[in-house]
Amino acid sequence: TDYLCGLLSLLGLALWLIFNQGNLAIALSIAAD
């Protein structure tokens, strides 16, 4: 489960890189965190 949560977190960060929108990045960073 630790690794699964880590993977979900990295997915959120990857989505930020894909969309590259400031507010979306903050929201996805919160979700990733």
Full PDB file with SEQRES, HELIX, SHEET, SSBOND, CRYST1, ORIGX, SCALE, CONECT and MASTER records, all heavy atoms in Angstrom:
SEQRES   1 A   33  THR ASP TYR LEU CYS GLY LEU LEU SER LEU LEU GLY LEU          
SEQRES   2 A   33  ALA LEU TRP LEU ILE PHE ASN GLN GLY ASN LEU ALA ILE          
SEQRES   3 A   33  ALA LEU SER ILE ALA ALA ASP                                  
HELIX    1 AA1 ASP A    2  PHE A   19  1                                  18    
HELIX    2 AA2 GLY A   22  ALA A   32  1                                  11    
CRYST1    1.000    1.000    1.000  90.00  90.00  90.00 P 1           1          
ORIGX1      1.000000  0.000000  0.000000        0.00000                         
ORIGX2      0.000000  1.000000  0.000000        0.00000                         
ORIGX3      0.000000  0.000000  1.000000        0.00000                         
SCALE1      1.000000  0.000000  0.000000        0.00000                         
SCALE2      0.000000  1.000000  0.000000        0.00000                         
SCALE3      0.000000  0.000000  1.000000        0.00000                         
ATOM      1  N   THR A   1       0.828  -1.214   0.000  1.00  0.00           N  
ATOM      2  CA  THR A   1       0.000   0.000   0.000  1.00  0.00           C  
ATOM      3  C   THR A   1       0.862   1.264   0.000  1.00  0.00           C  
ATOM      4  O   THR A   1       0.474   2.271  -0.586  1.00  0.00           O  
ATOM      5  CB  THR A   1      -0.947   0.025   1.220  1.00  0.00           C  
ATOM      6  OG1 THR A   1      -0.182  -0.165   2.413  1.00  0.00           O  
ATOM      7  CG2 THR A   1      -2.019  -1.031   1.114  1.00  0.00           C  
ATOM      8  N   ASP A   2       2.030   1.214   0.642  1.00  0.00           N  
ATOM      9  CA  ASP A   2       2.937   2.364   0.630  1.00  0.00           C  
ATOM     10  C   ASP A   2       3.360   2.680  -0.806  1.00  0.00           C  
ATOM     11  O   ASP A   2       3.340   3.827  -1.237  1.00  0.00           O  
ATOM     12  CB  ASP A   2       4.196   2.085   1.468  1.00  0.00           C  
ATOM     13  CG  ASP A   2       3.877   1.840   2.929  1.00  0.00           C  
ATOM     14  OD1 ASP A   2       2.926   2.459   3.445  1.00  0.00           O  
ATOM     15  OD2 ASP A   2       4.571   1.028   3.551  1.00  0.00           O  
ATOM     16  N   TYR A   3       3.733   1.625  -1.524  1.00  0.00           N  
ATOM     17  CA  TYR A   3       4.163   1.817  -2.912  1.00  0.00           C  
ATOM     18  C   TYR A   3       3.000   2.258  -3.810  1.00  0.00           C  
ATOM     19  O   TYR A   3       3.182   3.074  -4.711  1.00  0.00           O  
ATOM     20  CB  TYR A   3       4.811   0.539  -3.457  1.00  0.00           C  
ATOM     21  CG  TYR A   3       6.132   0.240  -2.797  1.00  0.00           C  
ATOM     22  CD1 TYR A   3       6.271  -0.853  -1.946  1.00  0.00           C  
ATOM     23  CD2 TYR A   3       7.242   1.051  -3.005  1.00  0.00           C  
ATOM     24  CE1 TYR A   3       7.488  -1.128  -1.330  1.00  0.00           C  
ATOM     25  CE2 TYR A   3       8.457   0.789  -2.391  1.00  0.00           C  
ATOM     26  CZ  TYR A   3       8.571  -0.304  -1.555  1.00  0.00           C  
ATOM     27  OH  TYR A   3       9.769  -0.567  -0.936  1.00  0.00           O  
ATOM     28  N   LEU A   4       1.809   1.735  -3.555  1.00  0.00           N  
ATOM     29  CA  LEU A   4       0.634   2.133  -4.323  1.00  0.00           C  
ATOM     30  C   LEU A   4       0.344   3.623  -4.120  1.00  0.00           C  
ATOM     31  O   LEU A   4       0.099   4.349  -5.089  1.00  0.00           O  
ATOM     32  CB  LEU A   4      -0.585   1.297  -3.926  1.00  0.00           C  
ATOM     33  CG  LEU A   4      -1.883   1.623  -4.655  1.00  0.00           C  
ATOM     34  CD1 LEU A   4      -1.744   1.417  -6.159  1.00  0.00           C  
ATOM     35  CD2 LEU A   4      -3.032   0.770  -4.124  1.00  0.00           C  
ATOM     36  N   CYS A   5       0.382   4.076  -2.869  1.00  0.00           N  
ATOM     37  CA  CYS A   5       0.176   5.502  -2.592  1.00  0.00           C  
ATOM     38  C   CYS A   5       1.270   6.340  -3.246  1.00  0.00           C  
ATOM     39  O   CYS A   5       1.007   7.416  -3.780  1.00  0.00           O  
ATOM     40  CB  CYS A   5       0.141   5.756  -1.090  1.00  0.00           C  
ATOM     41  SG  CYS A   5      -1.340   5.113  -0.301  1.00  0.00           S  
ATOM     42  N   GLY A   6       2.482   5.834  -3.224  1.00  0.00           N  
ATOM     43  CA  GLY A   6       3.582   6.536  -3.883  1.00  0.00           C  
ATOM     44  C   GLY A   6       3.357   6.646  -5.377  1.00  0.00           C  
ATOM     45  O   GLY A   6       3.592   7.696  -5.981  1.00  0.00           O  
ATOM     46  N   LEU A   7       2.863   5.578  -5.979  1.00  0.00           N  
ATOM     47  CA  LEU A   7       2.566   5.580  -7.412  1.00  0.00           C  
ATOM     48  C   LEU A   7       1.466   6.589  -7.737  1.00  0.00           C  
ATOM     49  O   LEU A   7       1.567   7.342  -8.715  1.00  0.00           O  
ATOM     50  CB  LEU A   7       2.161   4.172  -7.863  1.00  0.00           C  
ATOM     51  CG  LEU A   7       1.901   3.986  -9.351  1.00  0.00           C  
ATOM     52  CD1 LEU A   7       3.164   4.255 -10.151  1.00  0.00           C  
ATOM     53  CD2 LEU A   7       1.404   2.570  -9.614  1.00  0.00           C  
ATOM     54  N   LEU A   8       0.399   6.614  -6.916  1.00  0.00           N  
ATOM     55  CA  LEU A   8      -0.671   7.596  -7.129  1.00  0.00           C  
ATOM     56  C   LEU A   8      -0.143   9.017  -7.000  1.00  0.00           C  
ATOM     57  O   LEU A   8      -0.521   9.917  -7.752  1.00  0.00           O  
ATOM     58  CB  LEU A   8      -1.808   7.369  -6.122  1.00  0.00           C  
ATOM     59  CG  LEU A   8      -2.648   6.122  -6.346  1.00  0.00           C  
ATOM     60  CD1 LEU A   8      -3.608   5.909  -5.180  1.00  0.00           C  
ATOM     61  CD2 LEU A   8      -3.424   6.225  -7.652  1.00  0.00           C  
ATOM     62  N   SER A   9       0.749   9.221  -6.048  1.00  0.00           N  
ATOM     63  CA  SER A   9       1.345  10.530  -5.870  1.00  0.00           C  
ATOM     64  C   SER A   9       2.156  10.933  -7.098  1.00  0.00           C  
ATOM     65  O   SER A   9       2.047  12.056  -7.598  1.00  0.00           O  
ATOM     66  CB  SER A   9       2.236  10.528  -4.625  1.00  0.00           C  
ATOM     67  OG  SER A   9       2.787  11.794  -4.409  1.00  0.00           O  
ATOM     68  N   LEU A  10       2.959  10.013  -7.600  1.00  0.00           N  
ATOM     69  CA  LEU A  10       3.758  10.307  -8.795  1.00  0.00           C  
ATOM     70  C   LEU A  10       2.866  10.552 -10.016  1.00  0.00           C  
ATOM     71  O   LEU A  10       3.190  11.382 -10.862  1.00  0.00           O  
ATOM     72  CB  LEU A  10       4.740   9.170  -9.059  1.00  0.00           C  
ATOM     73  CG  LEU A  10       5.893   9.065  -8.064  1.00  0.00           C  
ATOM     74  CD1 LEU A  10       6.708   7.798  -8.323  1.00  0.00           C  
ATOM     75  CD2 LEU A  10       6.782  10.299  -8.118  1.00  0.00           C  
ATOM     76  N   LEU A  11       1.734   9.841 -10.084  1.00  0.00           N  
ATOM     77  CA  LEU A  11       0.784  10.068 -11.171  1.00  0.00           C  
ATOM     78  C   LEU A  11       0.252  11.496 -11.131  1.00  0.00           C  
ATOM     79  O   LEU A  11       0.174  12.174 -12.163  1.00  0.00           O  
ATOM     80  CB  LEU A  11      -0.372   9.067 -11.085  1.00  0.00           C  
ATOM     81  CG  LEU A  11      -1.481   9.232 -12.124  1.00  0.00           C  
ATOM     82  CD1 LEU A  11      -0.949   9.001 -13.531  1.00  0.00           C  
ATOM     83  CD2 LEU A  11      -2.622   8.279 -11.823  1.00  0.00           C  
ATOM     84  N   GLY A  12      -0.084  11.969  -9.935  1.00  0.00           N  
ATOM     85  CA  GLY A  12      -0.545  13.348  -9.794  1.00  0.00           C  
ATOM     86  C   GLY A  12       0.508  14.344 -10.242  1.00  0.00           C  
ATOM     87  O   GLY A  12       0.210  15.333 -10.914  1.00  0.00           O  
ATOM     88  N   LEU A  13       1.753  14.072  -9.901  1.00  0.00           N  
ATOM     89  CA  LEU A  13       2.838  14.963 -10.315  1.00  0.00           C  
ATOM     90  C   LEU A  13       3.054  14.902 -11.830  1.00  0.00           C  
ATOM     91  O   LEU A  13       3.313  15.926 -12.468  1.00  0.00           O  
ATOM     92  CB  LEU A  13       4.115  14.608  -9.565  1.00  0.00           C  
ATOM     93  CG  LEU A  13       4.049  14.786  -8.048  1.00  0.00           C  
ATOM     94  CD1 LEU A  13       5.333  14.312  -7.393  1.00  0.00           C  
ATOM     95  CD2 LEU A  13       3.769  16.238  -7.687  1.00  0.00           C  
ATOM     96  N   ALA A  14       2.915  13.717 -12.409  1.00  0.00           N  
ATOM     97  CA  ALA A  14       3.061  13.571 -13.862  1.00  0.00           C  
ATOM     98  C   ALA A  14       1.965  14.349 -14.589  1.00  0.00           C  
ATOM     99  O   ALA A  14       2.219  14.989 -15.613  1.00  0.00           O  
ATOM    100  CB  ALA A  14       3.027  12.104 -14.256  1.00  0.00           C  
ATOM    101  N   LEU A  15       0.738  14.302 -14.055  1.00  0.00           N  
ATOM    102  CA  LEU A  15      -0.357  15.058 -14.668  1.00  0.00           C  
ATOM    103  C   LEU A  15      -0.060  16.557 -14.649  1.00  0.00           C  
ATOM    104  O   LEU A  15      -0.380  17.268 -15.597  1.00  0.00           O  
ATOM    105  CB  LEU A  15      -1.682  14.760 -13.953  1.00  0.00           C  
ATOM    106  CG  LEU A  15      -2.244  13.374 -14.184  1.00  0.00           C  
ATOM    107  CD1 LEU A  15      -3.450  13.122 -13.281  1.00  0.00           C  
ATOM    108  CD2 LEU A  15      -2.631  13.185 -15.655  1.00  0.00           C  
ATOM    109  N   TRP A  16       0.568  17.016 -13.574  1.00  0.00           N  
ATOM    110  CA  TRP A  16       0.950  18.421 -13.518  1.00  0.00           C  
ATOM    111  C   TRP A  16       1.906  18.759 -14.659  1.00  0.00           C  
ATOM    112  O   TRP A  16       1.760  19.769 -15.336  1.00  0.00           O  
ATOM    113  CB  TRP A  16       1.603  18.769 -12.186  1.00  0.00           C  
ATOM    114  CG  TRP A  16       2.219  20.127 -12.216  1.00  0.00           C  
ATOM    115  CD1 TRP A  16       1.570  21.326 -12.188  1.00  0.00           C  
ATOM    116  CD2 TRP A  16       3.600  20.434 -12.333  1.00  0.00           C  
ATOM    117  NE1 TRP A  16       2.471  22.355 -12.267  1.00  0.00           N  
ATOM    118  CE2 TRP A  16       3.726  21.824 -12.354  1.00  0.00           C  
ATOM    119  CE3 TRP A  16       4.752  19.657 -12.407  1.00  0.00           C  
ATOM    120  CZ2 TRP A  16       4.953  22.470 -12.451  1.00  0.00           C  
ATOM    121  CZ3 TRP A  16       5.966  20.291 -12.500  1.00  0.00           C  
ATOM    122  CH2 TRP A  16       6.051  21.673 -12.530  1.00  0.00           C  
ATOM    123  N   LEU A  17       2.895  17.884 -14.881  1.00  0.00           N  
ATOM    124  CA  LEU A  17       3.867  18.139 -15.943  1.00  0.00           C  
ATOM    125  C   LEU A  17       3.195  18.144 -17.321  1.00  0.00           C  
ATOM    126  O   LEU A  17       3.567  18.925 -18.189  1.00  0.00           O  
ATOM    127  CB  LEU A  17       4.974  17.085 -15.906  1.00  0.00           C  
ATOM    128  CG  LEU A  17       5.915  17.163 -14.708  1.00  0.00           C  
ATOM    129  CD1 LEU A  17       6.835  15.944 -14.667  1.00  0.00           C  
ATOM    130  CD2 LEU A  17       6.720  18.444 -14.733  1.00  0.00           C  
ATOM    131  N   ILE A  18       2.203  17.288 -17.483  1.00  0.00           N  
ATOM    132  CA  ILE A  18       1.507  17.199 -18.770  1.00  0.00           C  
ATOM    133  C   ILE A  18       0.686  18.464 -19.025  1.00  0.00           C  
ATOM    134  O   ILE A  18       0.748  19.055 -20.096  1.00  0.00           O  
ATOM    135  CB  ILE A  18       0.604  15.950 -18.822  1.00  0.00           C  
ATOM    136  CG1 ILE A  18       1.470  14.684 -18.846  1.00  0.00           C  
ATOM    137  CG2 ILE A  18      -0.335  15.991 -20.028  1.00  0.00           C  
ATOM    138  CD1 ILE A  18       0.704  13.396 -18.589  1.00  0.00           C  
ATOM    139  N   PHE A  19      -0.104  18.901 -18.024  1.00  0.00           N  
ATOM    140  CA  PHE A  19      -1.006  20.030 -18.225  1.00  0.00           C  
ATOM    141  C   PHE A  19      -0.332  21.381 -18.006  1.00  0.00           C  
ATOM    142  O   PHE A  19      -0.748  22.376 -18.565  1.00  0.00           O  
ATOM    143  CB  PHE A  19      -2.242  19.896 -17.329  1.00  0.00           C  
ATOM    144  CG  PHE A  19      -3.104  18.738 -17.729  1.00  0.00           C  
ATOM    145  CD1 PHE A  19      -3.169  17.602 -16.941  1.00  0.00           C  
ATOM    146  CD2 PHE A  19      -3.826  18.769 -18.898  1.00  0.00           C  
ATOM    147  CE1 PHE A  19      -3.954  16.520 -17.307  1.00  0.00           C  
ATOM    148  CE2 PHE A  19      -4.614  17.697 -19.289  1.00  0.00           C  
ATOM    149  CZ  PHE A  19      -4.681  16.574 -18.491  1.00  0.00           C  
ATOM    150  N   ASN A  20       0.690  21.437 -17.162  1.00  0.00           N  
ATOM    151  CA  ASN A  20       1.497  22.632 -16.934  1.00  0.00           C  
ATOM    152  C   ASN A  20       0.660  23.890 -16.683  1.00  0.00           C  
ATOM    153  O   ASN A  20       0.934  24.949 -17.240  1.00  0.00           O  
ATOM    154  CB  ASN A  20       2.464  22.844 -18.109  1.00  0.00           C  
ATOM    155  CG  ASN A  20       3.597  23.766 -17.721  1.00  0.00           C  
ATOM    156  OD1 ASN A  20       3.874  23.973 -16.544  1.00  0.00           O  
ATOM    157  ND2 ASN A  20       4.246  24.324 -18.720  1.00  0.00           N  
ATOM    158  N   GLN A  21      -0.365  23.773 -15.874  1.00  0.00           N  
ATOM    159  CA  GLN A  21      -1.194  24.898 -15.471  1.00  0.00           C  
ATOM    160  C   GLN A  21      -0.952  25.169 -13.990  1.00  0.00           C  
ATOM    161  O   GLN A  21      -1.012  24.245 -13.179  1.00  0.00           O  
ATOM    162  CB  GLN A  21      -2.682  24.595 -15.699  1.00  0.00           C  
ATOM    163  CG  GLN A  21      -3.044  24.364 -17.137  1.00  0.00           C  
ATOM    164  CD  GLN A  21      -2.960  25.632 -17.961  1.00  0.00           C  
ATOM    165  OE1 GLN A  21      -3.327  26.703 -17.490  1.00  0.00           O  
ATOM    166  NE2 GLN A  21      -2.449  25.524 -19.161  1.00  0.00           N  
ATOM    167  N   GLY A  22      -0.705  26.429 -13.616  1.00  0.00           N  
ATOM    168  CA  GLY A  22      -0.361  26.779 -12.251  1.00  0.00           C  
ATOM    169  C   GLY A  22      -1.330  26.276 -11.194  1.00  0.00           C  
ATOM    170  O   GLY A  22      -0.945  25.554 -10.273  1.00  0.00           O  
ATOM    171  N   ASN A  23      -2.617  26.654 -11.289  1.00  0.00           N  
ATOM    172  CA  ASN A  23      -3.602  26.243 -10.285  1.00  0.00           C  
ATOM    173  C   ASN A  23      -3.822  24.734 -10.298  1.00  0.00           C  
ATOM    174  O   ASN A  23      -3.986  24.112  -9.250  1.00  0.00           O  
ATOM    175  CB  ASN A  23      -4.936  26.966 -10.484  1.00  0.00           C  
ATOM    176  CG  ASN A  23      -4.873  28.400 -10.007  1.00  0.00           C  
ATOM    177  OD1 ASN A  23      -4.024  28.769  -9.201  1.00  0.00           O  
ATOM    178  ND2 ASN A  23      -5.774  29.214 -10.519  1.00  0.00           N  
ATOM    179  N   LEU A  24      -3.814  24.146 -11.495  1.00  0.00           N  
ATOM    180  CA  LEU A  24      -3.952  22.696 -11.593  1.00  0.00           C  
ATOM    181  C   LEU A  24      -2.755  22.013 -10.944  1.00  0.00           C  
ATOM    182  O   LEU A  24      -2.893  21.006 -10.253  1.00  0.00           O  
ATOM    183  CB  LEU A  24      -4.093  22.264 -13.058  1.00  0.00           C  
ATOM    184  CG  LEU A  24      -4.275  20.770 -13.298  1.00  0.00           C  
ATOM    185  CD1 LEU A  24      -5.536  20.247 -12.607  1.00  0.00           C  
ATOM    186  CD2 LEU A  24      -4.328  20.478 -14.791  1.00  0.00           C  
ATOM    187  N   ALA A  25      -1.574  22.596 -11.146  1.00  0.00           N  
ATOM    188  CA  ALA A  25      -0.365  22.035 -10.532  1.00  0.00           C  
ATOM    189  C   ALA A  25      -0.473  22.056  -9.016  1.00  0.00           C  
ATOM    190  O   ALA A  25      -0.110  21.088  -8.346  1.00  0.00           O  
ATOM    191  CB  ALA A  25       0.867  22.822 -10.980  1.00  0.00           C  
ATOM    192  N   ILE A  26      -0.990  23.134  -8.464  1.00  0.00           N  
ATOM    193  CA  ILE A  26      -1.137  23.232  -7.013  1.00  0.00           C  
ATOM    194  C   ILE A  26      -2.151  22.201  -6.521  1.00  0.00           C  
ATOM    195  O   ILE A  26      -1.902  21.479  -5.551  1.00  0.00           O  
ATOM    196  CB  ILE A  26      -1.516  24.666  -6.605  1.00  0.00           C  
ATOM    197  CG1 ILE A  26      -0.330  25.603  -6.885  1.00  0.00           C  
ATOM    198  CG2 ILE A  26      -1.923  24.732  -5.136  1.00  0.00           C  
ATOM    199  CD1 ILE A  26      -0.678  27.066  -6.862  1.00  0.00           C  
ATOM    200  N   ALA A  27      -3.283  22.094  -7.205  1.00  0.00           N  
ATOM    201  CA  ALA A  27      -4.305  21.115  -6.817  1.00  0.00           C  
ATOM    202  C   ALA A  27      -3.764  19.690  -6.924  1.00  0.00           C  
ATOM    203  O   ALA A  27      -3.979  18.868  -6.025  1.00  0.00           O  
ATOM    204  CB  ALA A  27      -5.550  21.285  -7.689  1.00  0.00           C  
ATOM    205  N   LEU A  28      -3.054  19.389  -8.002  1.00  0.00           N  
ATOM    206  CA  LEU A  28      -2.492  18.047  -8.167  1.00  0.00           C  
ATOM    207  C   LEU A  28      -1.373  17.783  -7.159  1.00  0.00           C  
ATOM    208  O   LEU A  28      -1.212  16.660  -6.688  1.00  0.00           O  
ATOM    209  CB  LEU A  28      -1.985  17.850  -9.596  1.00  0.00           C  
ATOM    210  CG  LEU A  28      -3.082  17.730 -10.661  1.00  0.00           C  
ATOM    211  CD1 LEU A  28      -2.480  17.742 -12.062  1.00  0.00           C  
ATOM    212  CD2 LEU A  28      -3.905  16.465 -10.449  1.00  0.00           C  
ATOM    213  N   SER A  29      -0.625  18.825  -6.807  1.00  0.00           N  
ATOM    214  CA  SER A  29       0.421  18.657  -5.794  1.00  0.00           C  
ATOM    215  C   SER A  29      -0.193  18.355  -4.437  1.00  0.00           C  
ATOM    216  O   SER A  29       0.340  17.550  -3.669  1.00  0.00           O  
ATOM    217  CB  SER A  29       1.297  19.907  -5.710  1.00  0.00           C  
ATOM    218  OG  SER A  29       2.084  20.025  -6.852  1.00  0.00           O  
ATOM    219  N   ILE A  30      -1.325  18.989  -4.137  1.00  0.00           N  
ATOM    220  CA  ILE A  30      -2.029  18.698  -2.889  1.00  0.00           C  
ATOM    221  C   ILE A  30      -2.506  17.251  -2.895  1.00  0.00           C  
ATOM    222  O   ILE A  30      -2.323  16.517  -1.923  1.00  0.00           O  
ATOM    223  CB  ILE A  30      -3.194  19.684  -2.673  1.00  0.00           C  
ATOM    224  CG1 ILE A  30      -2.649  21.078  -2.360  1.00  0.00           C  
ATOM    225  CG2 ILE A  30      -4.128  19.208  -1.556  1.00  0.00           C  
ATOM    226  CD1 ILE A  30      -3.695  22.179  -2.389  1.00  0.00           C  
ATOM    227  N   ALA A  31      -3.104  16.831  -4.018  1.00  0.00           N  
ATOM    228  CA  ALA A  31      -3.575  15.446  -4.125  1.00  0.00           C  
ATOM    229  C   ALA A  31      -2.404  14.472  -4.025  1.00  0.00           C  
ATOM    230  O   ALA A  31      -2.495  13.444  -3.344  1.00  0.00           O  
ATOM    231  CB  ALA A  31      -4.319  15.241  -5.449  1.00  0.00           C  
ATOM    232  N   ALA A  32      -1.295  14.801  -4.666  1.00  0.00           N  
ATOM    233  CA  ALA A  32      -0.112  13.947  -4.614  1.00  0.00           C  
ATOM    234  C   ALA A  32       0.447  13.893  -3.198  1.00  0.00           C  
ATOM    235  O   ALA A  32       0.840  12.831  -2.711  1.00  0.00           O  
ATOM    236  CB  ALA A  32       0.950  14.455  -5.586  1.00  0.00           C  
ATOM    237  N   ASP A  33       0.469  15.023  -2.525  1.00  0.00           N  
ATOM    238  CA  ASP A  33       0.975  15.070  -1.160  1.00  0.00           C  
ATOM    239  C   ASP A  33       0.094  14.242  -0.230  1.00  0.00           C  
ATOM    240  O   ASP A  33       0.595  13.516   0.625  1.00  0.00           O  
ATOM    241  CB  ASP A  33       1.042  16.526  -0.681  1.00  0.00           C  
ATOM    242  CG  ASP A  33       1.865  16.673   0.578  1.00  0.00           C  
ATOM    243  OD1 ASP A  33       1.292  16.545   1.675  1.00  0.00           O  
ATOM    244  OD2 ASP A  33       3.073  16.918   0.463  1.00  0.00           O  
TER     245      ASP A  33                                                      
MASTER        0    0    0    2    0    0    0    6  244    1    0    3          
END                                                                             
